[in-house]
PDB file of N, CA and C in Angstrom:
ATOM      1  N   MET A   1       0.969  -1.419   0.236  1.00  0.00           N
ATOM      2  CA  MET A   1      -0.246  -0.040   0.194  1.00  0.00           C
ATOM      3  C   MET A   1       0.493   1.366   0.067  1.00  0.00           C
ATOM      4  N   LYS A   2       0.329   1.841  -1.366  1.00  0.00           N
ATOM      5  CA  LYS A   2       1.257   3.507  -0.893  1.00  0.00           C
ATOM      6  C   LYS A   2       0.622   4.826  -0.357  1.00  0.00           C
ATOM      7  N   ILE A   3       1.752   5.039   0.173  1.00  0.00           N
ATOM      8  CA  ILE A   3       1.117   6.599   1.223  1.00  0.00           C
ATOM      9  C   ILE A   3       1.417   7.498   0.384  1.00  0.00           C
ATOM     10  N   MET A   4       0.440   8.482   0.462  1.00  0.00           N
ATOM     11  CA  MET A   4       0.719   9.461  -0.351  1.00  0.00           C
ATOM     12  C   MET A   4       0.917  10.617   0.885  1.00  0.00           C
ATOM     13  N   THR A   5       2.074  11.351   0.728  1.00  0.00           N
ATOM     14  CA  THR A   5       2.307  12.795   1.031  1.00  0.00           C
ATOM     15  C   THR A   5       2.617  13.933   0.833  1.00  0.00           C
ATOM     16  N   GLN A   6       2.127  14.747   1.666  1.00  0.00           N
ATOM     17  CA  GLN A   6       1.946  15.897   0.606  1.00  0.00           C
ATOM     18  C   GLN A   6       2.455  17.071   0.587  1.00  0.00           C
ATOM     19  N   SER A   7       3.915  16.720   0.128  1.00  0.00           N
ATOM     20  CA  SER A   7       4.594  16.664  -1.031  1.00  0.00           C
ATOM     21  C   SER A   7       4.527  16.251  -2.611  1.00  0.00           C
ATOM     22  N   SER A   8       4.576  14.933  -2.510  1.00  0.00           N
ATOM     23  CA  SER A   8       4.037  14.514  -4.077  1.00  0.00           C
ATOM     24  C   SER A   8       2.577  15.051  -4.391  1.00  0.00           C
ATOM     25  N   SER A   9       1.867  15.301  -3.574  1.00  0.00           N
ATOM     26  CA  SER A   9       0.687  15.717  -4.409  1.00  0.00           C
ATOM     27  C   SER A   9       1.026  17.171  -4.559  1.00  0.00           C
ATOM     28  N   ALA A  10       1.899  17.774  -3.784  1.00  0.00           N
ATOM     29  CA  ALA A  10       1.598  19.350  -4.262  1.00  0.00           C
ATOM     30  C   ALA A  10       2.358  19.470  -4.940  1.00  0.00           C
ATOM     31  N   ALA A  11       3.431  18.546  -5.413  1.00  0.00           N
ATOM     32  CA  ALA A  11       4.278  18.995  -7.109  1.00  0.00           C
ATOM     33  C   ALA A  11       3.374  19.303  -7.681  1.00  0.00           C
ATOM     34  N   PRO A  12       2.032  18.086  -8.258  1.00  0.00           N
ATOM     35  CA  PRO A  12       1.301  18.830  -9.261  1.00  0.00           C
ATOM     36  C   PRO A  12       0.814  19.733  -9.316  1.00  0.00           C
ATOM     37  N   ASP A  13       0.135  20.350  -8.052  1.00  0.00           N
ATOM     38  CA  ASP A  13      -0.607  21.609  -8.184  1.00  0.00           C
ATOM     39  C   ASP A  13       0.565  22.825  -8.628  1.00  0.00           C
ATOM     40  N   LEU A  14       1.182  22.830  -7.543  1.00  0.00           N
ATOM     41  CA  LEU A  14       2.966  23.688  -8.101  1.00  0.00           C
ATOM     42  C   LEU A  14       2.680  23.867  -9.574  1.00  0.00           C
ATOM     43  N   ARG A  15       3.096  22.468 -10.114  1.00  0.00           N
ATOM     44  CA  ARG A  15       3.101  22.567 -11.746  1.00  0.00           C
ATOM     45  C   ARG A  15       2.115  23.791 -12.693  1.00  0.00           C
ATOM     46  N   TRP A  16       0.737  23.350 -12.196  1.00  0.00           N
ATOM     47  CA  TRP A  16      -0.597  23.548 -12.689  1.00  0.00           C
ATOM     48  C   TRP A  16      -0.205  25.644 -12.820  1.00  0.00           C
ATOM     49  N   ARG A  17       0.068  25.761 -11.361  1.00  0.00           N
ATOM     50  CA  ARG A  17      -0.208  27.180 -10.582  1.00  0.00           C
ATOM     51  C   ARG A  17       0.764  27.497 -11.507  1.00  0.00           C
ATOM     52  N   LEU A  18       1.966  26.866 -11.456  1.00  0.00           N
ATOM     53  CA  LEU A  18       3.347  27.432 -12.519  1.00  0.00           C
ATOM     54  C   LEU A  18       2.630  27.759 -14.081  1.00  0.00           C
ATOM     55  N   GLY A  19       2.204  26.816 -14.324  1.00  0.00           N
ATOM     56  CA  GLY A  19       1.641  26.955 -16.158  1.00  0.00           C
ATOM     57  C   GLY A  19       1.053  28.272 -16.412  1.00  0.00           C
ATOM     58  N   LEU A  20       0.140  28.406 -15.144  1.00  0.00           N
ATOM     59  CA  LEU A  20      -1.240  29.593 -15.635  1.00  0.00           C
ATOM     60  C   LEU A  20      -0.900  30.851 -15.482  1.00  0.00           C
ATOM     61  N   ILE A  21       0.108  30.520 -14.435  1.00  0.00           N
ATOM     62  CA  ILE A  21       1.031  32.111 -14.234  1.00  0.00           C
ATOM     63  C   ILE A  21       1.865  32.277 -15.539  1.00  0.00           C
ATOM     64  N   ALA A  22       2.994  31.232 -16.025  1.00  0.00           N
ATOM     65  CA  ALA A  22       2.999  31.446 -17.423  1.00  0.00           C
ATOM     66  C   ALA A  22       2.079  31.947 -18.346  1.00  0.00           C
ATOM     67  N   ALA A  23       1.550  31.516 -18.286  1.00  0.00           N
ATOM     68  CA  ALA A  23       0.645  31.582 -19.818  1.00  0.00           C
ATOM     69  C   ALA A  23      -0.144  32.888 -19.440  1.00  0.00           C
ATOM     70  N   ALA A  24      -0.593  33.331 -18.584  1.00  0.00           N
ATOM     71  CA  ALA A  24      -1.155  34.773 -17.832  1.00  0.00           C
ATOM     72  C   ALA A  24       0.010  36.326 -18.182  1.00  0.00           C
ATOM     73  N   ILE A  25       0.888  35.724 -18.110  1.00  0.00           N
ATOM     74  CA  ILE A  25       2.455  36.524 -18.614  1.00  0.00           C
ATOM     75  C   ILE A  25       2.888  36.760 -19.979  1.00  0.00           C
ATOM     76  N   ILE A  26       2.360  35.886 -20.864  1.00  0.00           N
ATOM     77  CA  ILE A  26       2.267  35.859 -22.220  1.00  0.00           C
ATOM     78  C   ILE A  26       1.183  36.006 -23.162  1.00  0.00           C
ATOM     79  N   VAL A  27       0.237  35.638 -22.025  1.00  0.00           N
ATOM     80  CA  VAL A  27      -1.322  36.234 -22.495  1.00  0.00           C
ATOM     81  C   VAL A  27      -1.395  38.365 -22.524  1.00  0.00           C
ATOM     82  N   VAL A  28      -0.460  38.571 -21.368  1.00  0.00           N
ATOM     83  CA  VAL A  28      -0.186  40.173 -21.213  1.00  0.00           C
ATOM     84  C   VAL A  28       0.139  40.814 -22.195  1.00  0.00           C
ATOM     85  N   ILE A  29       1.666  39.865 -22.258  1.00  0.00           N
ATOM     86  CA  ILE A  29       2.691  40.463 -23.381  1.00  0.00           C
ATOM     87  C   ILE A  29       2.254  40.105 -24.384  1.00  0.00           C
ATOM     88  N   THR A  30       1.800  39.621 -25.131  1.00  0.00           N
ATOM     89  CA  THR A  30       1.319  39.498 -26.164  1.00  0.00           C
ATOM     90  C   THR A  30      -0.481  40.376 -26.715  1.00  0.00           C
ATOM     91  N   SER A  31      -0.381  40.915 -25.746  1.00  0.00           N
ATOM     92  CA  SER A  31      -1.605  41.862 -25.848  1.00  0.00           C
ATOM     93  C   SER A  31      -1.354  43.463 -25.948  1.00  0.00           C
ATOM     94  N   ILE A  32       0.039  43.979 -25.542  1.00  0.00           N
ATOM     95  CA  ILE A  32       0.478  44.964 -25.220  1.00  0.00           C
ATOM     96  C   ILE A  32       0.140  45.723 -26.465  1.00  0.00           C
ATOM     97  N   PRO A  33       0.797  45.307 -28.340  1.00  0.00           N
ATOM     98  CA  PRO A  33       0.524  46.143 -29.253  1.00  0.00           C
ATOM     99  C   PRO A  33      -0.995  46.853 -29.024  1.00  0.00           C
ATOM    100  N   GLN A  34      -1.921  45.652 -29.209  1.00  0.00           N
ATOM    101  CA  GLN A  34      -3.460  45.594 -29.565  1.00  0.00           C
ATOM    102  C   GLN A  34      -3.600  46.669 -28.523  1.00  0.00           C
ATOM    103  N   ILE A  35      -3.531  46.573 -27.175  1.00  0.00           N
ATOM    104  CA  ILE A  35      -3.960  47.723 -25.866  1.00  0.00           C
ATOM    105  C   ILE A  35      -3.298  49.124 -26.756  1.00  0.00           C
ATOM    106  N   GLY A  36      -2.001  48.618 -27.100  1.00  0.00           N
ATOM    107  CA  GLY A  36      -1.555  50.189 -27.782  1.00  0.00           C
ATOM    108  C   GLY A  36      -2.510  50.668 -28.644  1.00  0.00           C
ATOM    109  N   LEU A  37      -3.044  50.168 -29.193  1.00  0.00           N
ATOM    110  CA  LEU A  37      -3.906  50.532 -30.610  1.00  0.00           C
ATOM    111  C   LEU A  37      -4.800  51.051 -30.202  1.00  0.00           C
ATOM    112  N   ILE A  38      -5.668  50.128 -29.209  1.00  0.00           N
ATOM    113  CA  ILE A  38      -6.565  50.537 -28.413  1.00  0.00           C
ATOM    114  C   ILE A  38      -7.139  51.725 -27.576  1.00  0.00           C
ATOM    115  N   VAL A  39      -5.591  52.218 -26.949  1.00  0.00           N
ATOM    116  CA  VAL A  39      -5.634  53.332 -26.000  1.00  0.00           C
ATOM    117  C   VAL A  39      -5.224  54.340 -26.992  1.00  0.00           C
ATOM    118  N   LYS A  40      -4.508  54.076 -28.149  1.00  0.00           N
ATOM    119  CA  LYS A  40      -4.038  55.399 -29.103  1.00  0.00           C
ATOM    120  C   LYS A  40      -5.373  55.809 -29.518  1.00  0.00           C
ATOM    121  N   ARG A  41      -5.999  54.877 -30.189  1.00  0.00           N
ATOM    122  CA  ARG A  41      -6.591  55.383 -31.189  1.00  0.00           C
ATOM    123  C   ARG A  41      -8.159  55.854 -30.562  1.00  0.00           C
ATOM    124  N   GLY A  42      -8.380  55.156 -29.069  1.00  0.00           N
ATOM    125  CA  GLY A  42      -9.630  56.165 -28.362  1.00  0.00           C
ATOM    126  C   GLY A  42     -10.666  54.932 -29.037  1.00  0.00           C
ATOM    127  N   SER A  43     -11.711  55.732 -29.347  1.00  0.00           N
ATOM    128  CA  SER A  43     -12.936  56.248 -30.116  1.00  0.00           C
ATOM    129  C   SER A  43     -12.751  55.827 -31.482  1.00  0.00           C
ATOM    130  N   GLU A  44     -11.571  56.115 -31.617  1.00  0.00           N
ATOM    131  CA  GLU A  44     -11.873  55.772 -33.115  1.00  0.00           C
ATOM    132  C   GLU A  44     -10.805  54.425 -33.874  1.00  0.00           C
ATOM    133  N   TRP A  45     -11.204  53.803 -32.604  1.00  0.00           N
ATOM    134  CA  TRP A  45     -10.575  52.330 -32.855  1.00  0.00           C
ATOM    135  C   TRP A  45     -10.911  51.433 -33.778  1.00  0.00           C
ATOM    136  N   HIS A  46     -12.743  51.355 -33.633  1.00  0.00           N
ATOM    137  CA  HIS A  46     -13.235  50.981 -34.881  1.00  0.00           C
ATOM    138  C   HIS A  46     -12.977  49.199 -35.520  1.00  0.00           C
ATOM    139  N   GLY A  47     -13.003  48.899 -34.011  1.00  0.00           N
ATOM    140  CA  GLY A  47     -12.223  47.167 -34.079  1.00  0.00           C
ATOM    141  C   GLY A  47     -10.679  47.080 -35.172  1.00  0.00           C
ATOM    142  N   SER A  48     -10.031  47.898 -35.704  1.00  0.00           N
ATOM    143  CA  SER A  48      -8.595  47.710 -36.177  1.00  0.00           C
ATOM    144  C   SER A  48      -7.461  46.967 -34.883  1.00  0.00           C
ATOM    145  N   TYR A  49      -6.440  46.155 -35.472  1.00  0.00           N
ATOM    146  CA  TYR A  49      -6.137  45.113 -34.898  1.00  0.00           C
ATOM    147  C   TYR A  49      -4.532  46.021 -35.062  1.00  0.00           C
ATOM    148  N   ALA A  50      -3.782  44.938 -34.038  1.00  0.00           N
ATOM    149  CA  ALA A  50      -2.199  45.273 -34.406  1.00  0.00           C
ATOM    150  C   ALA A  50      -1.966  43.851 -34.878  1.00  0.00           C
ATOM    151  N   LEU A  51      -0.641  44.247 -36.523  1.00  0.00           N
ATOM    152  CA  LEU A  51      -0.531  43.298 -36.978  1.00  0.00           C
ATOM    153  C   LEU A  51       0.795  42.770 -36.455  1.00  0.00           C
ATOM    154  N   ILE A  52       1.373  41.111 -36.475  1.00  0.00           N
ATOM    155  CA  ILE A  52       2.624  41.109 -35.746  1.00  0.00           C
ATOM    156  C   ILE A  52       3.469  40.320 -37.177  1.00  0.00           C
ATOM    157  N   ASP A  53       2.061  39.122 -37.427  1.00  0.00           N
ATOM    158  CA  ASP A  53       2.678  38.105 -38.323  1.00  0.00           C
ATOM    159  C   ASP A  53       1.801  38.600 -39.833  1.00  0.00           C
ATOM    160  N   PHE A  54       2.514  37.981 -40.634  1.00  0.00           N
ATOM    161  CA  PHE A  54       2.359  38.890 -42.626  1.00  0.00           C
ATOM    162  C   PHE A  54       0.925  37.867 -43.218  1.00  0.00           C
ATOM    163  N   ASP A  55       1.076  36.659 -42.521  1.00  0.00           N
ATOM    164  CA  ASP A  55      -0.133  36.035 -42.911  1.00  0.00           C
ATOM    165  C   ASP A  55      -1.436  36.657 -42.416  1.00  0.00           C
ATOM    166  N   GLU A  56      -2.084  37.325 -41.218  1.00  0.00           N
ATOM    167  CA  GLU A  56      -3.059  37.735 -40.141  1.00  0.00           C
ATOM    168  C   GLU A  56      -4.286  38.762 -41.169  1.00  0.00           C
ATOM    169  N   LEU A  57      -3.336  38.969 -42.703  1.00  0.00           N
ATOM    170  CA  LEU A  57      -3.852  39.992 -43.208  1.00  0.00           C
ATOM    171  C   LEU A  57      -5.157  38.639 -44.516  1.00  0.00           C
ATOM    172  N   SER A  58      -4.495  37.639 -44.724  1.00  0.00           N
ATOM    173  CA  SER A  58      -4.957  36.566 -45.527  1.00  0.00           C
ATOM    174  C   SER A  58      -5.975  35.639 -44.993  1.00  0.00           C
ATOM    175  N   TYR A  59      -5.249  35.572 -43.984  1.00  0.00           N
ATOM    176  CA  TYR A  59      -6.493  34.702 -42.564  1.00  0.00           C
ATOM    177  C   TYR A  59      -7.810  35.428 -41.962  1.00  0.00           C
ATOM    178  N   SER A  60      -7.581  36.679 -42.329  1.00  0.00           N
ATOM    179  CA  SER A  60      -8.893  37.378 -42.048  1.00  0.00           C
ATOM    180  C   SER A  60      -9.194  37.566 -43.114  1.00  0.00           C
ATOM    181  N   ALA A  61      -8.683  37.538 -43.840  1.00  0.00           N
ATOM    182  CA  ALA A  61      -9.702  37.690 -45.387  1.00  0.00           C
ATOM    183  C   ALA A  61     -10.568  36.299 -45.465  1.00  0.00           C
ATOM    184  N   TYR A  62     -10.016  35.087 -44.913  1.00  0.00           N
ATOM    185  CA  TYR A  62     -10.665  34.141 -45.150  1.00  0.00           C
ATOM    186  C   TYR A  62     -11.875  34.038 -44.353  1.00  0.00           C
ATOM    187  N   LEU A  63     -11.603  34.405 -43.228  1.00  0.00           N
ATOM    188  CA  LEU A  63     -12.143  33.852 -41.621  1.00  0.00           C
ATOM    189  C   LEU A  63     -14.149  34.826 -42.808  1.00  0.00           C
ATOM    190  N   ASN A  64     -13.568  35.850 -42.806  1.00  0.00           N
ATOM    191  CA  ASN A  64     -14.744  37.075 -43.408  1.00  0.00           C
ATOM    192  C   ASN A  64     -15.339  36.394 -44.369  1.00  0.00           C
ATOM    193  N   ALA A  65     -14.793  35.606 -45.389  1.00  0.00           N
ATOM    194  CA  ALA A  65     -15.339  35.157 -46.403  1.00  0.00           C
ATOM    195  C   ALA A  65     -16.222  34.030 -45.695  1.00  0.00           C
ATOM    196  N   LEU A  66     -15.790  33.399 -44.615  1.00  0.00           N
ATOM    197  CA  LEU A  66     -16.659  32.275 -43.766  1.00  0.00           C
ATOM    198  C   LEU A  66     -17.615  33.209 -42.668  1.00  0.00           C
ATOM    199  N   ILE A  67     -17.672  34.145 -42.171  1.00  0.00           N
ATOM    200  CA  ILE A  67     -18.396  35.009 -41.510  1.00  0.00           C
ATOM    201  C   ILE A  67     -19.502  34.866 -42.492  1.00  0.00           C
ATOM    202  N   HIS A  68     -18.979  35.354 -44.051  1.00  0.00           N
ATOM    203  CA  HIS A  68     -20.479  36.289 -44.766  1.00  0.00           C
ATOM    204  C   HIS A  68     -21.328  34.841 -46.116  1.00  0.00           C
ATOM    205  N   GLY A  69     -20.433  33.794 -45.174  1.00  0.00           N
ATOM    206  CA  GLY A  69     -21.520  32.382 -45.668  1.00  0.00           C
ATOM    207  C   GLY A  69     -20.488  31.320 -46.718  1.00  0.00           C
ATOM    208  N   ARG A  70     -19.719  31.752 -47.733  1.00  0.00           N
ATOM    209  CA  ARG A  70     -18.904  31.540 -48.159  1.00  0.00           C
ATOM    210  C   ARG A  70     -18.320  30.201 -47.665  1.00  0.00           C
ATOM    211  N   PRO A  71     -18.387  29.292 -49.396  1.00  0.00           N
ATOM    212  CA  PRO A  71     -17.694  27.763 -48.507  1.00  0.00           C
ATOM    213  C   PRO A  71     -15.619  27.925 -47.606  1.00  0.00           C
ATOM    214  N   ARG A  72     -15.885  26.449 -47.395  1.00  0.00           N
ATOM    215  CA  ARG A  72     -14.718  26.108 -46.446  1.00  0.00           C
ATOM    216  C   ARG A  72     -13.534  26.582 -47.465  1.00  0.00           C
ATOM    217  N   ARG A  73     -13.701  25.713 -48.907  1.00  0.00           N
ATOM    218  CA  ARG A  73     -12.586  26.051 -49.930  1.00  0.00           C
ATOM    219  C   ARG A  73     -12.534  27.358 -50.354  1.00  0.00           C
ATOM    220  N   ASN A  74     -12.347  28.166 -50.086  1.00  0.00           N
ATOM    221  CA  ASN A  74     -12.182  29.826 -51.341  1.00  0.00           C
ATOM    222  C   ASN A  74     -10.598  30.160 -51.098  1.00  0.00           C
ATOM    223  N   ASN A  75     -10.559  30.463 -51.777  1.00  0.00           N
ATOM    224  CA  ASN A  75      -8.891  31.337 -51.829  1.00  0.00           C
ATOM    225  C   ASN A  75      -9.134  32.922 -51.483  1.00  0.00           C
ATOM    226  N   PRO A  76      -8.706  33.374 -50.625  1.00  0.00           N
ATOM    227  CA  PRO A  76      -9.246  34.245 -50.034  1.00  0.00           C
ATOM    228  C   PRO A  76      -8.263  35.738 -50.742  1.00  0.00           C
ATOM    229  N   TYR A  77      -7.123  34.805 -51.526  1.00  0.00           N
ATOM    230  CA  TYR A  77      -5.887  35.551 -52.498  1.00  0.00           C
ATOM    231  C   TYR A  77      -7.143  36.619 -53.980  1.00  0.00           C
ATOM    232  N   LEU A  78      -7.535  35.215 -53.950  1.00  0.00           N
ATOM    233  CA  LEU A  78      -8.386  35.535 -55.513  1.00  0.00           C
ATOM    234  C   LEU A  78      -9.768  35.544 -55.667  1.00  0.00           C
ATOM    235  N   GLY A  79     -10.258  35.229 -54.302  1.00  0.00           N
ATOM    236  CA  GLY A  79     -11.416  35.791 -54.431  1.00  0.00           C
ATOM    237  C   GLY A  79     -12.718  34.686 -54.780  1.00  0.00           C
ATOM    238  N   ARG A  80     -11.758  33.153 -54.865  1.00  0.00           N
ATOM    239  CA  ARG A  80     -12.608  32.160 -55.753  1.00  0.00           C
ATOM    240  C   ARG A  80     -12.819  31.268 -54.879  1.00  0.00           C
ATOM    241  N   ASP A  81     -14.414  30.672 -55.078  1.00  0.00           N
ATOM    242  CA  ASP A  81     -14.747  29.867 -54.247  1.00  0.00           C
ATOM    243  C   ASP A  81     -15.157  28.257 -54.748  1.00  0.00           C
ATOM    244  N   SER A  82     -15.003  27.387 -54.104  1.00  0.00           N
ATOM    245  CA  SER A  82     -14.663  25.993 -55.026  1.00  0.00           C
ATOM    246  C   SER A  82     -16.036  25.425 -55.813  1.00  0.00           C
ATOM    247  N   ASP A  83     -17.467  26.295 -55.396  1.00  0.00           N
ATOM    248  CA  ASP A  83     -18.197  26.830 -56.512  1.00  0.00           C
ATOM    249  C   ASP A  83     -18.463  27.127 -57.794  1.00  0.00           C
ATOM    250  N   GLN A  84     -17.760  28.058 -57.854  1.00  0.00           N
ATOM    251  CA  GLN A  84     -17.164  28.545 -58.814  1.00  0.00           C
ATOM    252  C   GLN A  84     -15.830  28.070 -59.368  1.00  0.00           C
ATOM    253  N   THR A  85     -14.401  27.526 -59.044  1.00  0.00           N
ATOM    254  CA  THR A  85     -14.012  26.574 -59.807  1.00  0.00           C
ATOM    255  C   THR A  85     -13.626  24.989 -58.785  1.00  0.00           C
ATOM    256  N   ASN A  86     -12.807  24.577 -60.043  1.00  0.00           N
ATOM    257  CA  ASN A  86     -12.950  23.342 -58.644  1.00  0.00           C
ATOM    258  C   ASN A  86     -11.148  23.630 -58.167  1.00  0.00           C
ATOM    259  N   ILE A  87     -11.250  24.533 -57.036  1.00  0.00           N
ATOM    260  CA  ILE A  87      -9.859  24.629 -56.340  1.00  0.00           C
ATOM    261  C   ILE A  87     -10.102  23.806 -54.878  1.00  0.00           C
ATOM    262  N   GLY A  88      -8.767  23.125 -54.997  1.00  0.00           N
ATOM    263  CA  GLY A  88      -8.306  22.185 -53.761  1.00  0.00           C
ATOM    264  C   GLY A  88      -8.323  22.849 -52.431  1.00  0.00           C
ATOM    265  N   GLU A  89      -8.272  21.903 -51.778  1.00  0.00           N
ATOM    266  CA  GLU A  89      -7.748  22.470 -49.983  1.00  0.00           C
ATOM    267  C   GLU A  89      -6.216  23.017 -50.105  1.00  0.00           C
ATOM    268  N   SER A  90      -6.994  24.352 -49.034  1.00  0.00           N
ATOM    269  CA  SER A  90      -5.259  25.278 -49.466  1.00  0.00           C
ATOM    270  C   SER A  90      -4.821  25.039 -47.885  1.00  0.00           C
ATOM    271  N   TYR A  91      -4.227  26.753 -47.315  1.00  0.00           N
ATOM    272  CA  TYR A  91      -3.691  26.341 -46.403  1.00  0.00           C
ATOM    273  C   TYR A  91      -4.686  26.551 -45.262  1.00  0.00           C
ATOM    274  N   PHE A  92      -5.543  27.093 -45.205  1.00  0.00           N
ATOM    275  CA  PHE A  92      -6.425  27.781 -44.273  1.00  0.00           C
ATOM    276  C   PHE A  92      -7.752  26.795 -44.394  1.00  0.00           C
ATOM    277  N   SER A  93      -7.711  25.985 -45.169  1.00  0.00           N
ATOM    278  CA  SER A  93      -9.212  24.891 -45.312  1.00  0.00           C
ATOM    279  C   SER A  93      -8.766  24.074 -44.383  1.00  0.00           C
ATOM    280  N   ILE A  94      -7.617  23.896 -44.516  1.00  0.00           N
ATOM    281  CA  ILE A  94      -7.207  22.934 -44.032  1.00  0.00           C
ATOM    282  C   ILE A  94      -7.485  22.889 -42.267  1.00  0.00           C
ATOM    283  N   GLN A  95      -7.258  23.754 -41.876  1.00  0.00           N
ATOM    284  CA  GLN A  95      -7.160  24.111 -40.653  1.00  0.00           C
ATOM    285  C   GLN A  95      -8.721  24.737 -39.858  1.00  0.00           C
ATOM    286  N   PHE A  96      -9.942  24.154 -40.275  1.00  0.00           N
ATOM    287  CA  PHE A  96     -10.746  24.363 -40.607  1.00  0.00           C
ATOM    288  C   PHE A  96     -11.912  24.820 -39.067  1.00  0.00           C
ATOM    289  N   LEU A  97     -11.155  23.708 -37.783  1.00  0.00           N
ATOM    290  CA  LEU A  97     -11.651  23.969 -36.781  1.00  0.00           C
ATOM    291  C   LEU A  97     -11.679  25.860 -36.041  1.00  0.00           C
ATOM    292  N   PRO A  98     -10.526  25.922 -36.026  1.00  0.00           N
ATOM    293  CA  PRO A  98     -10.256  27.779 -36.001  1.00  0.00           C
ATOM    294  C   PRO A  98     -10.822  28.638 -36.270  1.00  0.00           C
ATOM    295  N   SER A  99     -11.101  28.372 -37.446  1.00  0.00           N
ATOM    296  CA  SER A  99     -11.763  29.418 -38.131  1.00  0.00           C
ATOM    297  C   SER A  99     -13.626  29.375 -38.249  1.00  0.00           C
ATOM    298  N   TYR A 100     -13.978  28.385 -37.475  1.00  0.00           N
ATOM    299  CA  TYR A 100     -15.692  27.617 -37.776  1.00  0.00           C
ATOM    300  C   TYR A 100     -15.522  28.496 -36.014  1.00  0.00           C
ATOM    301  N   ALA A 101     -14.642  27.518 -35.589  1.00  0.00           N
ATOM    302  CA  ALA A 101     -14.689  28.051 -33.802  1.00  0.00           C
ATOM    303  C   ALA A 101     -15.114  29.909 -33.792  1.00  0.00           C
ATOM    304  N   ILE A 102     -15.104  30.486 -34.510  1.00  0.00           N
ATOM    305  CA  ILE A 102     -14.527  32.003 -34.425  1.00  0.00           C
ATOM    306  C   ILE A 102     -16.148  32.087 -35.577  1.00  0.00           C
ATOM    307  N   ALA A 103     -15.728  32.184 -36.851  1.00  0.00           N
ATOM    308  CA  ALA A 103     -17.184  32.136 -37.571  1.00  0.00           C
ATOM    309  C   ALA A 103     -18.581  31.834 -37.235  1.00  0.00           C
ATOM    310  N   LEU A 104     -18.481  30.920 -37.075  1.00  0.00           N
ATOM    311  CA  LEU A 104     -19.959  30.676 -36.717  1.00  0.00           C
ATOM    312  C   LEU A 104     -20.395  31.499 -35.523  1.00  0.00           C
ATOM    313  N   PRO A 105     -20.284  31.761 -34.260  1.00  0.00           N
ATOM    314  CA  PRO A 105     -20.406  32.836 -33.191  1.00  0.00           C
ATOM    315  C   PRO A 105     -20.777  34.063 -33.749  1.00  0.00           C
ATOM    316  N   ALA A 106     -20.001  34.543 -34.723  1.00  0.00           N
ATOM    317  CA  ALA A 106     -19.861  36.103 -35.600  1.00  0.00           C
ATOM    318  C   ALA A 106     -20.992  36.274 -36.538  1.00  0.00           C
ATOM    319  N   ARG A 107     -21.211  35.027 -36.853  1.00  0.00           N
ATOM    320  CA  ARG A 107     -22.810  34.554 -38.076  1.00  0.00           C
ATOM    321  C   ARG A 107     -23.581  34.746 -37.007  1.00  0.00           C
ATOM    322  N   SER A 108     -23.673  34.721 -36.464  1.00  0.00           N
ATOM    323  CA  SER A 108     -25.145  35.167 -35.148  1.00  0.00           C
ATOM    324  C   SER A 108     -25.436  36.335 -34.922  1.00  0.00           C
ATOM    325  N   ILE A 109     -24.383  36.969 -34.871  1.00  0.00           N
ATOM    326  CA  ILE A 109     -24.341  38.573 -34.089  1.00  0.00           C
ATOM    327  C   ILE A 109     -24.943  38.790 -35.232  1.00  0.00           C
TER     328      ILE A 109
END
């Protein structure tokens, strides 16, 4: 029979706490550009966002197409849908779960 000591059960709790603290620090640090933009623009913010990665514009176009009811297999660069031409899967269409996690609630608004 193994007896649990307080030190062995405290180690996983400490790891979870440290992990959550690290995650919170990363969220705060990565939000600084967006918060700065909102503070600087004030009431003229109008939903704009800070860009860090080069593919965010094309991903935003793909997500906007999904929000407006276009099919999953669409090309944000050319504006083509899979029902217009026989286009295959793209970088965006294979990552459909995060896209639909954002697009479906946005459609209801």
